[in-house]
Amino acid sequence: MKTLKMYLVFSFVLSLSLSVFAQQRELTKDEWQALMDKNTAKKESLTKEVSTLQNDVNNLAQQSAKIQGYDDCVDEKYTMVSAKRPQVDDFRRAVTELEGKIRRKEGPKAARQADLDALKKNAISALPEFYDRVHVQMQRMLDEWVEAVVKEEPKDAMYTVVKGDCLWFIARRKEYYGNGFAWPKIYNANRDQIKNPDLIYPKQVFRIPPLTEDEKAKYEKMRRNYKPAPTN
């Protein structure tokens, strides 16, 4: 429409210029006729151009009427993944919440990976808004997350006394200390049951705590330095 107005203004200016030119000097009949013919031809040309432009404007208006609105396009996109706006909004919140947990390294890592896998399985994750974020970026953050290894403390073993046992024999068993000199560790751990370390009874259940590294070194040194009494 702006171009159409420009052509009309141009036609008016041209006519005005001819009028001014005619007033500046007396034109002959032939000169006047030539100017009129030229102006008429120009007018016809402009009229055709105006008609063509008007047709273009009408065509554009028809095409514009057929174009979907933004909201309609969004709804159609969501329909492709069998979702509606509230479901997409819920998914968006879940993605943002999980992304925050991953960034803050709120473990355990395995649980966050399970959460992300669940989001990946949701068809909504295929939408352009989410695909790279869920399937690429958040997975990369999880892969780069090095979780601190928590070393578990060794647990106490339990042993039921049988006939013929003594603390020395129990401590010497390979599944426990493998060193009879470590018997005081068992004695001190079970003082509530053992009144005399030389007297233990069948069916008593003793706790066998693990040795510390210092205790292992101490009892091993005692074992190496032990020299049995000479026999006559």
Protein backbone atom coordinates (compact mmCIF):
# COMPACT_ATOMS: atom_id res chain seq x y z
CA MET A 1 0.00 0.00 0.00
CA LYS A 2 2.93 2.33 0.71
CA THR A 3 4.30 1.75 -2.82
CA LEU A 4 0.87 2.40 -4.31
CA LYS A 5 0.68 5.75 -2.59
CA MET A 6 4.16 6.65 -3.85
CA TYR A 7 3.09 6.02 -7.47
CA LEU A 8 0.01 8.20 -7.09
CA VAL A 9 2.09 11.00 -5.61
CA PHE A 10 4.57 10.66 -8.48
CA SER A 11 1.76 10.95 -11.04
CA PHE A 12 0.45 14.08 -9.36
CA VAL A 13 3.93 15.66 -9.24
CA LEU A 14 4.45 14.87 -12.94
CA SER A 15 1.18 16.53 -13.90
CA LEU A 16 2.03 19.55 -11.80
CA SER A 17 5.46 19.79 -13.45
CA LEU A 18 3.89 19.80 -16.91
CA SER A 19 1.51 22.53 -15.88
CA VAL A 20 4.36 24.64 -14.51
CA PHE A 21 6.44 23.96 -17.60
CA ALA A 22 3.55 25.04 -19.82
CA GLN A 23 3.21 28.29 -17.89
CA GLN A 24 6.88 29.17 -18.28
CA ARG A 25 6.59 29.60 -22.04
CA GLU A 26 3.94 29.41 -24.72
CA LEU A 27 3.75 25.91 -26.18
CA THR A 28 2.89 25.15 -29.73
CA LYS A 29 -0.06 22.89 -30.42
CA ASP A 30 2.23 20.02 -31.41
CA GLU A 31 4.40 20.44 -28.29
CA TRP A 32 1.34 20.50 -26.11
CA GLN A 33 -0.06 17.40 -27.79
CA ALA A 34 3.26 15.59 -27.43
CA LEU A 35 3.36 16.37 -23.73
CA MET A 36 -0.22 15.22 -23.32
CA ASP A 37 0.48 11.94 -25.15
CA LYS A 38 3.55 11.34 -23.03
CA ASN A 39 1.66 12.08 -19.84
CA THR A 40 -1.25 9.85 -20.90
CA ALA A 41 1.11 6.95 -21.65
CA LYS A 42 2.78 7.42 -18.30
CA LYS A 43 -0.60 7.48 -16.58
CA GLU A 44 -1.65 4.25 -18.30
CA SER A 45 1.62 2.60 -17.27
CA LEU A 46 1.18 3.71 -13.68
CA THR A 47 -2.41 2.53 -13.69
CA LYS A 48 -1.31 -0.96 -14.79
CA GLU A 49 1.37 -1.03 -12.13
CA VAL A 50 -1.16 0.04 -9.51
CA SER A 51 -3.49 -2.74 -10.64
CA THR A 52 -0.68 -5.29 -10.47
CA LEU A 53 0.33 -4.11 -7.00
CA GLN A 54 -3.26 -4.25 -5.83
CA ASN A 55 -3.50 -7.84 -7.02
CA ASP A 56 -0.31 -8.65 -5.12
CA VAL A 57 -1.74 -7.02 -2.00
CA ASN A 58 -4.92 -9.05 -2.32
CA ASN A 59 -2.96 -12.29 -2.79
CA LEU A 60 -0.81 -11.55 0.25
CA ALA A 61 -3.90 -10.83 2.30
CA GLN A 62 -5.39 -14.19 1.30
CA GLN A 63 -2.18 -16.03 2.14
CA SER A 64 -1.92 -14.24 5.46
CA ALA A 65 -5.44 -15.35 6.36
CA LYS A 66 -4.40 -18.98 5.79
CA ILE A 67 -1.27 -18.80 7.97
CA GLN A 68 -1.68 -20.34 11.45
CA GLY A 69 -1.29 -18.15 14.49
CA TYR A 70 1.64 -18.71 16.87
CA ASP A 71 -0.48 -20.44 19.50
CA ASP A 72 -1.96 -22.77 16.90
CA CYS A 73 1.53 -23.72 15.70
CA VAL A 74 2.65 -24.45 19.27
CA ASP A 75 -0.41 -26.60 19.97
CA GLU A 76 0.11 -28.54 16.75
CA LYS A 77 3.74 -29.19 17.71
CA TYR A 78 2.69 -30.49 21.13
CA THR A 79 0.06 -32.72 19.53
CA MET A 80 2.86 -34.45 17.60
CA VAL A 81 4.22 -35.81 20.92
CA SER A 82 0.74 -36.51 22.30
CA ALA A 83 0.97 -33.71 24.86
CA LYS A 84 -0.89 -30.61 25.89
CA ARG A 85 0.38 -27.35 27.34
CA PRO A 86 -0.04 -28.32 31.03
CA GLN A 87 1.96 -31.53 30.45
CA VAL A 88 4.72 -29.63 28.69
CA ASP A 89 4.79 -27.07 31.51
CA ASP A 90 5.14 -29.87 34.08
CA PHE A 91 7.93 -31.45 32.03
CA ARG A 92 9.73 -28.10 31.77
CA ARG A 93 9.63 -27.71 35.57
CA ALA A 94 10.92 -31.27 36.05
CA VAL A 95 13.83 -30.62 33.69
CA THR A 96 14.77 -27.39 35.46
CA GLU A 97 14.57 -29.05 38.88
CA LEU A 98 16.71 -32.03 37.87
CA GLU A 99 19.24 -29.82 36.12
CA GLY A 100 19.66 -27.87 39.37
CA LYS A 101 20.23 -31.07 41.36
CA ILE A 102 22.86 -32.25 38.88
CA ARG A 103 24.66 -28.89 38.93
CA ARG A 104 24.69 -28.93 42.74
CA LYS A 105 25.73 -32.62 42.71
CA GLU A 106 22.87 -33.67 44.95
CA GLY A 107 23.58 -37.40 45.03
CA PRO A 108 23.51 -40.20 44.81
CA LYS A 109 24.62 -39.89 41.20
CA ALA A 110 22.88 -43.14 40.25
CA ALA A 111 19.54 -41.70 41.39
CA ARG A 112 20.02 -38.59 39.26
CA GLN A 113 20.89 -40.76 36.27
CA ALA A 114 17.67 -42.70 36.81
CA ASP A 115 15.74 -39.42 36.93
CA LEU A 116 17.35 -38.26 33.68
CA ASP A 117 16.65 -41.59 31.97
CA ALA A 118 12.98 -41.20 32.89
CA LEU A 119 12.91 -37.74 31.27
CA LYS A 120 14.59 -39.10 28.15
CA LYS A 121 11.90 -41.77 27.78
CA ASN A 122 9.18 -39.11 27.81
CA ALA A 123 8.15 -38.23 24.24
CA ILE A 124 8.07 -34.54 25.22
CA SER A 125 11.88 -34.62 25.39
CA ALA A 126 11.90 -34.85 21.58
CA LEU A 127 10.61 -31.27 21.29
CA PRO A 128 13.30 -28.82 20.07
CA GLU A 129 13.04 -26.90 23.34
CA PHE A 130 14.21 -29.92 25.35
CA TYR A 131 16.10 -32.35 23.13
CA ASP A 132 19.63 -30.94 23.34
CA ARG A 133 19.20 -29.92 26.97
CA VAL A 134 17.95 -33.33 28.17
CA HIS A 135 19.71 -35.77 25.86
CA VAL A 136 23.04 -33.97 25.48
CA GLN A 137 23.81 -31.22 27.99
CA MET A 138 22.45 -32.81 31.17
CA GLN A 139 23.90 -36.20 30.28
CA ARG A 140 27.29 -34.56 29.74
CA MET A 141 27.07 -32.96 33.19
CA LEU A 142 26.29 -36.34 34.73
CA ASP A 143 29.16 -38.01 32.88
CA GLU A 144 31.55 -35.35 34.20
CA TRP A 145 30.26 -35.75 37.76
CA VAL A 146 32.94 -37.61 39.70
CA GLU A 147 31.27 -38.97 42.81
CA ALA A 148 33.42 -39.24 45.91
CA VAL A 149 34.04 -42.84 46.90
CA VAL A 150 32.93 -43.47 50.45
CA LYS A 151 35.03 -46.18 51.99
CA GLU A 152 32.94 -48.46 54.13
CA GLU A 153 34.24 -49.31 57.54
CA PRO A 154 34.96 -53.03 57.97
CA LYS A 155 32.18 -54.76 59.84
CA ASP A 156 32.64 -56.88 62.94
CA ALA A 157 32.55 -60.64 62.44
CA MET A 158 30.68 -62.91 64.81
CA TYR A 159 32.01 -66.22 66.17
CA THR A 160 30.29 -68.94 68.22
CA VAL A 161 32.62 -70.70 70.65
CA VAL A 162 32.96 -74.48 70.36
CA LYS A 163 34.43 -76.99 72.76
CA GLY A 164 38.22 -76.74 72.95
CA ASP A 165 38.37 -73.08 71.87
CA CYS A 166 40.47 -70.38 73.49
CA LEU A 167 40.97 -66.76 72.55
CA TRP A 168 44.41 -67.56 71.13
CA PHE A 169 42.98 -70.18 68.77
CA ILE A 170 40.19 -67.88 67.64
CA ALA A 171 42.56 -64.98 66.92
CA ARG A 172 44.88 -67.32 65.00
CA ARG A 173 42.14 -68.36 62.53
CA LYS A 174 42.92 -67.09 59.02
CA GLU A 175 39.43 -65.67 58.49
CA TYR A 176 40.01 -63.37 61.48
CA TYR A 177 43.49 -62.17 62.41
CA GLY A 178 45.77 -65.05 61.47
CA ASN A 179 47.81 -64.16 64.54
CA GLY A 180 47.24 -65.60 68.03
CA PHE A 181 48.95 -62.59 69.65
CA ALA A 182 45.93 -60.47 68.67
CA TRP A 183 43.67 -62.29 71.18
CA PRO A 184 43.41 -59.18 73.48
CA LYS A 185 41.38 -57.48 70.73
CA ILE A 186 38.69 -60.16 71.07
CA TYR A 187 38.87 -60.07 74.85
CA ASN A 188 38.43 -56.29 75.07
CA ALA A 189 35.54 -56.35 72.59
CA ASN A 190 33.64 -58.92 74.67
CA ARG A 191 34.41 -57.96 78.26
CA ASP A 192 30.69 -58.15 79.02
CA GLN A 193 30.88 -61.93 78.49
CA ILE A 194 34.46 -62.77 79.32
CA LYS A 195 35.37 -62.43 82.99
CA ASN A 196 38.58 -64.40 82.69
CA PRO A 197 40.38 -64.58 79.28
CA ASP A 198 41.44 -68.12 80.09
CA LEU A 199 37.83 -69.23 80.56
CA ILE A 200 35.43 -69.14 77.63
CA TYR A 201 32.51 -71.49 77.08
CA PRO A 202 30.84 -73.24 74.15
CA LYS A 203 27.91 -71.40 72.53
CA GLN A 204 29.17 -68.00 73.65
CA VAL A 205 28.93 -65.60 70.68
CA PHE A 206 31.86 -63.20 70.42
CA ARG A 207 32.23 -60.08 68.33
CA ILE A 208 35.46 -60.08 66.28
CA PRO A 209 36.25 -56.47 65.38
CA PRO A 210 38.76 -55.72 62.59
CA LEU A 211 42.29 -54.71 63.50
CA THR A 212 43.55 -51.24 62.71
CA GLU A 213 46.74 -50.91 60.71
CA ASP A 214 48.66 -49.98 63.87
CA GLU A 215 47.30 -53.02 65.69
CA LYS A 216 48.21 -55.29 62.82
CA ALA A 217 51.78 -53.96 62.89
CA LYS A 218 52.01 -54.30 66.69
CA TYR A 219 50.76 -57.88 66.85
CA GLU A 220 52.83 -58.91 63.85
CA LYS A 221 55.95 -57.54 65.56
CA MET A 222 55.07 -59.53 68.68
CA ARG A 223 54.69 -62.68 66.60
CA ARG A 224 58.05 -62.19 64.87
CA ASN A 225 59.87 -61.50 68.12
CA TYR A 226 58.34 -64.44 69.96
CA LYS A 227 60.77 -67.14 70.93
CA PRO A 228 59.26 -70.26 72.47
CA ALA A 229 60.75 -71.44 75.74
CA PRO A 230 63.39 -74.18 75.27
CA THR A 231 62.27 -77.71 76.06
CA ASN A 232 64.35 -79.93 78.32
